[in-house]
């Protein structure tokens, strides 16, 4: 094999090794894009969708999570009916009907209903008073706790972001240092290969000169032998 061919093959192998070892610095993203595009191309070549490509799947059940209330609302919306107003019947205090005006039991039921409604409203008033007295401070404490939680979460987020940034800077510095070292080694390697090529060429030239000298010496010996005879 010729020296130039050997040098070309060695240089090609070395360049290929550099591409593989330094893929983070150059071409890693491009290589990933090529690989992803190749995978997509292979998948589209094997997968030819048709109009009924979902025919092997069971029929979807869209009402699996519907409750009776949701179903009634869907029916009301489909019929374009307005939403029912808030019922106030629970707050009404109806009197006995005209046929029960003299019925003591009917009047007693009305009184019991009135007392229950009155107690219910009294409890609601007490709850509102308690809310007015203690609710503000409770909400303030809750808001303070939420603010503290947000502050701690933001501190953790900033810490993690700083760690990520430091790691990225460290990786970048390591990659740049590795790239510089590889370029230095490549330069040294090219210099050594060039020297070896020059030495090999000089050796080939010397071998050719030695062969020529041997041939000339052989011719001279033959001429001397011919002259002796």
C-alpha atoms as a PDB file:
ATOM      1  CA  UNK A   1       0.000   0.000   0.000  1.00  0.00           C
ATOM      2  CA  UNK A   2       1.273   3.473  -0.850  1.00  0.00           C
ATOM      3  CA  UNK A   3       2.330   5.813   2.015  1.00  0.00           C
ATOM      4  CA  UNK A   4      -0.215   8.402   0.946  1.00  0.00           C
ATOM      5  CA  UNK A   5      -3.035   5.833   1.123  1.00  0.00           C
ATOM      6  CA  UNK A   6      -1.975   4.761   4.614  1.00  0.00           C
ATOM      7  CA  UNK A   7      -1.876   8.367   5.754  1.00  0.00           C
ATOM      8  CA  UNK A   8      -5.347   9.017   4.320  1.00  0.00           C
ATOM      9  CA  UNK A   9      -6.859   5.978   6.057  1.00  0.00           C
ATOM     10  CA  UNK A  10      -5.249   6.856   9.396  1.00  0.00           C
ATOM     11  CA  UNK A  11      -6.453  10.456   9.185  1.00  0.00           C
ATOM     12  CA  UNK A  12      -9.979   9.305   8.327  1.00  0.00           C
ATOM     13  CA  UNK A  13     -10.097   6.907  11.289  1.00  0.00           C
ATOM     14  CA  UNK A  14      -8.783   9.555  13.647  1.00  0.00           C
ATOM     15  CA  UNK A  15     -11.316  12.138  12.482  1.00  0.00           C
ATOM     16  CA  UNK A  16     -14.119   9.604  12.887  1.00  0.00           C
ATOM     17  CA  UNK A  17     -12.965   8.827  16.439  1.00  0.00           C
ATOM     18  CA  UNK A  18     -12.943  12.526  17.293  1.00  0.00           C
ATOM     19  CA  UNK A  19     -16.519  12.895  16.055  1.00  0.00           C
ATOM     20  CA  UNK A  20     -17.614   9.982  18.232  1.00  0.00           C
ATOM     21  CA  UNK A  21     -15.753  11.138  21.352  1.00  0.00           C
ATOM     22  CA  UNK A  22     -16.577  14.828  21.053  1.00  0.00           C
ATOM     23  CA  UNK A  23     -20.204  14.529  20.052  1.00  0.00           C
ATOM     24  CA  UNK A  24     -21.288  16.773  22.940  1.00  0.00           C
ATOM     25  CA  UNK A  25     -19.278  19.674  21.563  1.00  0.00           C
ATOM     26  CA  UNK A  26     -20.192  19.256  17.923  1.00  0.00           C
ATOM     27  CA  UNK A  27     -23.024  17.501  16.265  1.00  0.00           C
ATOM     28  CA  UNK A  28     -24.682  15.757  19.185  1.00  0.00           C
ATOM     29  CA  UNK A  29     -27.928  17.653  18.697  1.00  0.00           C
ATOM     30  CA  UNK A  30     -27.729  17.212  14.949  1.00  0.00           C
ATOM     31  CA  UNK A  31     -27.046  13.500  15.373  1.00  0.00           C
ATOM     32  CA  UNK A  32     -30.068  13.142  17.645  1.00  0.00           C
ATOM     33  CA  UNK A  33     -32.207  14.968  15.089  1.00  0.00           C
ATOM     34  CA  UNK A  34     -31.029  12.631  12.350  1.00  0.00           C
ATOM     35  CA  UNK A  35     -31.743   9.596  14.522  1.00  0.00           C
ATOM     36  CA  UNK A  36     -35.213  10.886  15.429  1.00  0.00           C
ATOM     37  CA  UNK A  37     -35.990  11.619  11.787  1.00  0.00           C
ATOM     38  CA  UNK A  38     -34.825   8.133  10.833  1.00  0.00           C
ATOM     39  CA  UNK A  39     -37.064   6.559  13.489  1.00  0.00           C
ATOM     40  CA  UNK A  40     -40.061   8.596  12.325  1.00  0.00           C
ATOM     41  CA  UNK A  41     -39.362   7.645   8.727  1.00  0.00           C
ATOM     42  CA  UNK A  42     -39.141   3.972   9.643  1.00  0.00           C
ATOM     43  CA  UNK A  43     -42.388   4.138  11.636  1.00  0.00           C
ATOM     44  CA  UNK A  44     -44.272   5.890   8.834  1.00  0.00           C
ATOM     45  CA  UNK A  45     -42.973   3.341   6.355  1.00  0.00           C
ATOM     46  CA  UNK A  46     -44.373   0.464   8.416  1.00  0.00           C
ATOM     47  CA  UNK A  47     -47.557   2.205   9.584  1.00  0.00           C
ATOM     48  CA  UNK A  48     -50.041   3.127   6.886  1.00  0.00           C
ATOM     49  CA  UNK A  49     -53.137   4.597   8.587  1.00  0.00           C
ATOM     50  CA  UNK A  50     -56.533   4.123   7.007  1.00  0.00           C
ATOM     51  CA  UNK A  51     -59.942   5.595   7.705  1.00  0.00           C
ATOM     52  CA  UNK A  52     -60.804   2.744  10.095  1.00  0.00           C
ATOM     53  CA  UNK A  53     -57.399   2.364  11.747  1.00  0.00           C
ATOM     54  CA  UNK A  54     -59.137   2.426  15.170  1.00  0.00           C
ATOM     55  CA  UNK A  55     -61.514  -0.402  14.316  1.00  0.00           C
ATOM     56  CA  UNK A  56     -59.693  -2.863  16.576  1.00  0.00           C
ATOM     57  CA  UNK A  57     -60.451  -0.713  19.640  1.00  0.00           C
ATOM     58  CA  UNK A  58     -63.724  -1.133  21.581  1.00  0.00           C
ATOM     59  CA  UNK A  59     -66.492   1.406  21.155  1.00  0.00           C
ATOM     60  CA  UNK A  60     -65.851   4.304  23.547  1.00  0.00           C
ATOM     61  CA  UNK A  61     -68.307   4.760  26.388  1.00  0.00           C
ATOM     62  CA  UNK A  62     -68.635   8.508  26.867  1.00  0.00           C
ATOM     63  CA  UNK A  63     -71.233   8.130  29.639  1.00  0.00           C
ATOM     64  CA  UNK A  64     -69.087   5.960  31.911  1.00  0.00           C
ATOM     65  CA  UNK A  65     -68.464   8.764  34.393  1.00  0.00           C
ATOM     66  CA  UNK A  66     -71.829  10.497  34.124  1.00  0.00           C
ATOM     67  CA  UNK A  67     -73.924  10.776  37.266  1.00  0.00           C
ATOM     68  CA  UNK A  68     -77.656  11.304  37.347  1.00  0.00           C
ATOM     69  CA  UNK A  69     -77.243  15.004  38.062  1.00  0.00           C
ATOM     70  CA  UNK A  70     -74.823  15.462  35.156  1.00  0.00           C
ATOM     71  CA  UNK A  71     -77.088  13.452  32.871  1.00  0.00           C
ATOM     72  CA  UNK A  72     -80.083  15.617  33.807  1.00  0.00           C
ATOM     73  CA  UNK A  73     -78.066  18.758  33.138  1.00  0.00           C
ATOM     74  CA  UNK A  74     -77.004  17.458  29.732  1.00  0.00           C
ATOM     75  CA  UNK A  75     -80.625  16.718  28.897  1.00  0.00           C
ATOM     76  CA  UNK A  76     -81.661  20.211  30.037  1.00  0.00           C
ATOM     77  CA  UNK A  77     -78.948  21.799  27.880  1.00  0.00           C
ATOM     78  CA  UNK A  78     -79.947  19.650  24.905  1.00  0.00           C
ATOM     79  CA  UNK A  79     -83.578  20.767  25.344  1.00  0.00           C
ATOM     80  CA  UNK A  80     -82.436  24.422  25.681  1.00  0.00           C
ATOM     81  CA  UNK A  81     -84.293  24.808  28.959  1.00  0.00           C
ATOM     82  CA  UNK A  82     -83.270  27.500  31.461  1.00  0.00           C
ATOM     83  CA  UNK A  83     -81.654  26.564  34.746  1.00  0.00           C
ATOM     84  CA  UNK A  84     -84.000  26.301  37.705  1.00  0.00           C
ATOM     85  CA  UNK A  85     -83.862  29.196  40.132  1.00  0.00           C
ATOM     86  CA  UNK A  86     -82.721  28.743  43.698  1.00  0.00           C
ATOM     87  CA  UNK A  87     -85.532  27.171  45.691  1.00  0.00           C
ATOM     88  CA  UNK A  88     -86.661  29.211  48.702  1.00  0.00           C
ATOM     89  CA  UNK A  89     -89.300  26.752  49.905  1.00  0.00           C
ATOM     90  CA  UNK A  90     -87.207  25.698  52.879  1.00  0.00           C
ATOM     91  CA  UNK A  91     -87.416  29.244  54.224  1.00  0.00           C
ATOM     92  CA  UNK A  92     -91.185  29.540  53.820  1.00  0.00           C
ATOM     93  CA  UNK A  93     -93.570  29.261  56.788  1.00  0.00           C
ATOM     94  CA  UNK A  94     -96.862  28.129  55.234  1.00  0.00           C
ATOM     95  CA  UNK A  95    -100.017  28.199  57.301  1.00  0.00           C
ATOM     96  CA  UNK A  96    -102.367  25.221  57.430  1.00  0.00           C
ATOM     97  CA  UNK A  97    -104.573  24.794  54.425  1.00  0.00           C
ATOM     98  CA  UNK A  98    -108.139  26.108  54.469  1.00  0.00           C
ATOM     99  CA  UNK A  99    -109.447  22.649  55.294  1.00  0.00           C
ATOM    100  CA  UNK A 100    -107.153  22.393  58.371  1.00  0.00           C
ATOM    101  CA  UNK A 101    -107.750  25.774  59.909  1.00  0.00           C
ATOM    102  CA  UNK A 102    -109.318  24.172  63.000  1.00  0.00           C
ATOM    103  CA  UNK A 103    -106.870  21.233  63.165  1.00  0.00           C
ATOM    104  CA  UNK A 104    -104.613  21.584  66.205  1.00  0.00           C
ATOM    105  CA  UNK A 105    -102.134  19.026  64.848  1.00  0.00           C
ATOM    106  CA  UNK A 106    -101.681  21.014  61.632  1.00  0.00           C
ATOM    107  CA  UNK A 107    -101.073  24.167  63.615  1.00  0.00           C
ATOM    108  CA  UNK A 108     -98.600  22.322  65.843  1.00  0.00           C
ATOM    109  CA  UNK A 109     -96.692  21.179  62.748  1.00  0.00           C
ATOM    110  CA  UNK A 110     -96.548  24.758  61.534  1.00  0.00           C
ATOM    111  CA  UNK A 111     -95.241  25.908  64.916  1.00  0.00           C
ATOM    112  CA  UNK A 112     -92.587  23.178  64.928  1.00  0.00           C
ATOM    113  CA  UNK A 113     -91.542  24.159  61.415  1.00  0.00           C
ATOM    114  CA  UNK A 114     -91.312  27.797  62.478  1.00  0.00           C
ATOM    115  CA  UNK A 115     -89.205  26.903  65.512  1.00  0.00           C
ATOM    116  CA  UNK A 116     -86.881  24.750  63.368  1.00  0.00           C
ATOM    117  CA  UNK A 117     -86.471  27.544  60.830  1.00  0.00           C
ATOM    118  CA  UNK A 118     -85.866  30.063  63.597  1.00  0.00           C
ATOM    119  CA  UNK A 119     -83.221  27.845  65.208  1.00  0.00           C
ATOM    120  CA  UNK A 120     -81.560  27.289  61.859  1.00  0.00           C
ATOM    121  CA  UNK A 121     -81.367  31.018  61.207  1.00  0.00           C
ATOM    122  CA  UNK A 122     -80.080  31.603  64.750  1.00  0.00           C
ATOM    123  CA  UNK A 123     -77.282  29.073  64.175  1.00  0.00           C
ATOM    124  CA  UNK A 124     -76.399  30.750  60.903  1.00  0.00           C
ATOM    125  CA  UNK A 125     -76.243  34.114  62.661  1.00  0.00           C
ATOM    126  CA  UNK A 126     -73.951  32.636  65.320  1.00  0.00           C
ATOM    127  CA  UNK A 127     -71.694  31.212  62.617  1.00  0.00           C
ATOM    128  CA  UNK A 128     -71.536  34.585  60.899  1.00  0.00           C
ATOM    129  CA  UNK A 129     -70.695  36.299  64.195  1.00  0.00           C
ATOM    130  CA  UNK A 130     -67.954  33.757  64.903  1.00  0.00           C
ATOM    131  CA  UNK A 131     -66.640  34.239  61.384  1.00  0.00           C
ATOM    132  CA  UNK A 132     -66.649  38.012  61.834  1.00  0.00           C
ATOM    133  CA  UNK A 133     -64.829  37.682  65.167  1.00  0.00           C
ATOM    134  CA  UNK A 134     -62.252  34.984  64.396  1.00  0.00           C
ATOM    135  CA  UNK A 135     -62.392  34.454  60.645  1.00  0.00           C
ATOM    136  CA  UNK A 136     -60.248  37.459  59.781  1.00  0.00           C
ATOM    137  CA  UNK A 137     -57.368  36.348  61.984  1.00  0.00           C
ATOM    138  CA  UNK A 138     -57.736  32.768  60.779  1.00  0.00           C
ATOM    139  CA  UNK A 139     -57.493  33.896  57.167  1.00  0.00           C
ATOM    140  CA  UNK A 140     -54.519  36.107  58.011  1.00  0.00           C
ATOM    141  CA  UNK A 141     -52.722  33.169  59.617  1.00  0.00           C
ATOM    142  CA  UNK A 142     -53.599  30.990  56.644  1.00  0.00           C
ATOM    143  CA  UNK A 143     -52.325  33.636  54.223  1.00  0.00           C
ATOM    144  CA  UNK A 144     -49.119  34.004  56.235  1.00  0.00           C
ATOM    145  CA  UNK A 145     -48.597  30.247  56.094  1.00  0.00           C
ATOM    146  CA  UNK A 146     -49.197  30.243  52.350  1.00  0.00           C
ATOM    147  CA  UNK A 147     -46.784  33.154  51.894  1.00  0.00           C
ATOM    148  CA  UNK A 148     -44.159  31.286  53.939  1.00  0.00           C
ATOM    149  CA  UNK A 149     -44.689  28.154  51.873  1.00  0.00           C
ATOM    150  CA  UNK A 150     -44.332  30.166  48.657  1.00  0.00           C
ATOM    151  CA  UNK A 151     -41.162  31.813  49.958  1.00  0.00           C
ATOM    152  CA  UNK A 152     -39.621  28.463  50.891  1.00  0.00           C
ATOM    153  CA  UNK A 153     -40.610  26.968  47.544  1.00  0.00           C
ATOM    154  CA  UNK A 154     -39.069  29.923  45.696  1.00  0.00           C
ATOM    155  CA  UNK A 155     -35.852  29.576  47.698  1.00  0.00           C
ATOM    156  CA  UNK A 156     -35.677  25.887  46.851  1.00  0.00           C
ATOM    157  CA  UNK A 157     -36.396  26.683  43.212  1.00  0.00           C
ATOM    158  CA  UNK A 158     -33.635  29.294  43.099  1.00  0.00           C
ATOM    159  CA  UNK A 159     -31.245  26.856  44.766  1.00  0.00           C
ATOM    160  CA  UNK A 160     -32.049  24.124  42.261  1.00  0.00           C
ATOM    161  CA  UNK A 161     -31.732  26.547  39.353  1.00  0.00           C
ATOM    162  CA  UNK A 162     -28.339  27.690  40.651  1.00  0.00           C
ATOM    163  CA  UNK A 163     -27.213  24.086  40.975  1.00  0.00           C
ATOM    164  CA  UNK A 164     -28.370  23.396  37.417  1.00  0.00           C
ATOM    165  CA  UNK A 165     -26.596  26.501  36.141  1.00  0.00           C
ATOM    166  CA  UNK A 166     -23.384  25.597  37.994  1.00  0.00           C
ATOM    167  CA  UNK A 167     -23.579  22.071  36.632  1.00  0.00           C
ATOM    168  CA  UNK A 168     -24.099  23.354  33.099  1.00  0.00           C
ATOM    169  CA  UNK A 169     -21.154  25.735  33.440  1.00  0.00           C
ATOM    170  CA  UNK A 170     -18.995  22.936  34.821  1.00  0.00           C
ATOM    171  CA  UNK A 171     -19.990  20.641  31.968  1.00  0.00           C
ATOM    172  CA  UNK A 172     -19.322  23.376  29.432  1.00  0.00           C
ATOM    173  CA  UNK A 173     -15.892  24.098  30.902  1.00  0.00           C
ATOM    174  CA  UNK A 174     -15.059  20.386  30.966  1.00  0.00           C
ATOM    175  CA  UNK A 175     -16.195  20.006  27.374  1.00  0.00           C
ATOM    176  CA  UNK A 176     -14.228  23.045  26.227  1.00  0.00           C
ATOM    177  CA  UNK A 177     -11.157  21.814  28.073  1.00  0.00           C
ATOM    178  CA  UNK A 178     -11.632  18.363  26.574  1.00  0.00           C
ATOM    179  CA  UNK A 179     -12.055  19.882  23.127  1.00  0.00           C
ATOM    180  CA  UNK A 180      -8.879  21.942  23.509  1.00  0.00           C
ATOM    181  CA  UNK A 181      -6.990  18.861  24.689  1.00  0.00           C
ATOM    182  CA  UNK A 182      -8.300  16.829  21.758  1.00  0.00           C
ATOM    183  CA  UNK A 183      -7.332  19.557  19.314  1.00  0.00           C
ATOM    184  CA  UNK A 184      -3.864  19.682  20.847  1.00  0.00           C
ATOM    185  CA  UNK A 185      -3.557  15.910  20.593  1.00  0.00           C
ATOM    186  CA  UNK A 186      -4.842  16.042  17.035  1.00  0.00           C
ATOM    187  CA  UNK A 187      -2.228  18.651  16.136  1.00  0.00           C
ATOM    188  CA  UNK A 188       0.517  16.546  17.721  1.00  0.00           C
ATOM    189  CA  UNK A 189      -0.798  13.456  15.988  1.00  0.00           C
ATOM    190  CA  UNK A 190      -0.878  15.170  12.593  1.00  0.00           C
ATOM    191  CA  UNK A 191       2.666  16.423  13.165  1.00  0.00           C
ATOM    192  CA  UNK A 192       3.892  12.949  14.093  1.00  0.00           C
ATOM    193  CA  UNK A 193       2.060  11.340  11.173  1.00  0.00           C
ATOM    194  CA  UNK A 194       3.565  13.912   8.829  1.00  0.00           C
ATOM    195  CA  UNK A 195       7.029  13.184  10.196  1.00  0.00           C
ATOM    196  CA  UNK A 196       6.438   9.456   9.839  1.00  0.00           C
ATOM    197  CA  UNK A 197       5.261  10.029   6.296  1.00  0.00           C
ATOM    198  CA  UNK A 198       8.398  12.040   5.501  1.00  0.00           C
ATOM    199  CA  UNK A 199      10.554   9.341   7.070  1.00  0.00           C
ATOM    200  CA  UNK A 200       8.725   6.625   5.161  1.00  0.00           C
ATOM    201  CA  UNK A 201       9.098   8.554   1.924  1.00  0.00           C
ATOM    202  CA  UNK A 202      12.807   9.062   2.612  1.00  0.00           C
ATOM    203  CA  UNK A 203      13.160   5.343   3.313  1.00  0.00           C
ATOM    204  CA  UNK A 204      11.410   4.490   0.051  1.00  0.00           C
ATOM    205  CA  UNK A 205      13.670   6.938  -1.770  1.00  0.00           C
ATOM    206  CA  UNK A 206      16.777   5.430  -0.150  1.00  0.00           C
ATOM    207  CA  UNK A 207      15.555   1.942  -1.003  1.00  0.00           C
ATOM    208  CA  UNK A 208      15.128   3.017  -4.598  1.00  0.00           C
ATOM    209  CA  UNK A 209      18.605   4.545  -4.613  1.00  0.00           C
ATOM    210  CA  UNK A 210      20.073   1.393  -3.063  1.00  0.00           C
ATOM    211  CA  UNK A 211      18.291  -0.719  -5.666  1.00  0.00           C
ATOM    212  CA  UNK A 212      19.651   1.511  -8.427  1.00  0.00           C
ATOM    213  CA  UNK A 213      23.157   1.313  -6.955  1.00  0.00           C
ATOM    214  CA  UNK A 214      22.899  -2.463  -6.761  1.00  0.00           C
ATOM    215  CA  UNK A 215      21.708  -2.584 -10.338  1.00  0.00           C
ATOM    216  CA  UNK A 216      24.571  -0.322 -11.441  1.00  0.00           C
ATOM    217  CA  UNK A 217      27.045  -2.409  -9.449  1.00  0.00           C
ATOM    218  CA  UNK A 218      25.676  -5.556 -11.055  1.00  0.00           C
ATOM    219  CA  UNK A 219      25.971  -4.022 -14.503  1.00  0.00           C
ATOM    220  CA  UNK A 220      29.553  -2.954 -13.789  1.00  0.00           C
ATOM    221  CA  UNK A 221      30.435  -6.437 -12.554  1.00  0.00           C
ATOM    222  CA  UNK A 222      28.978  -7.960 -15.696  1.00  0.00           C
ATOM    223  CA  UNK A 223      30.962  -5.487 -17.818  1.00  0.00           C
ATOM    224  CA  UNK A 224      34.183  -6.292 -15.978  1.00  0.00           C
ATOM    225  CA  UNK A 225      33.619 -10.029 -16.377  1.00  0.00           C
ATOM    226  CA  UNK A 226      32.968  -9.548 -20.094  1.00  0.00           C
ATOM    227  CA  UNK A 227      36.192  -7.538 -20.448  1.00  0.00           C
ATOM    228  CA  UNK A 228      38.188 -10.226 -18.636  1.00  0.00           C
ATOM    229  CA  UNK A 229      37.073 -12.813 -21.158  1.00  0.00           C
END
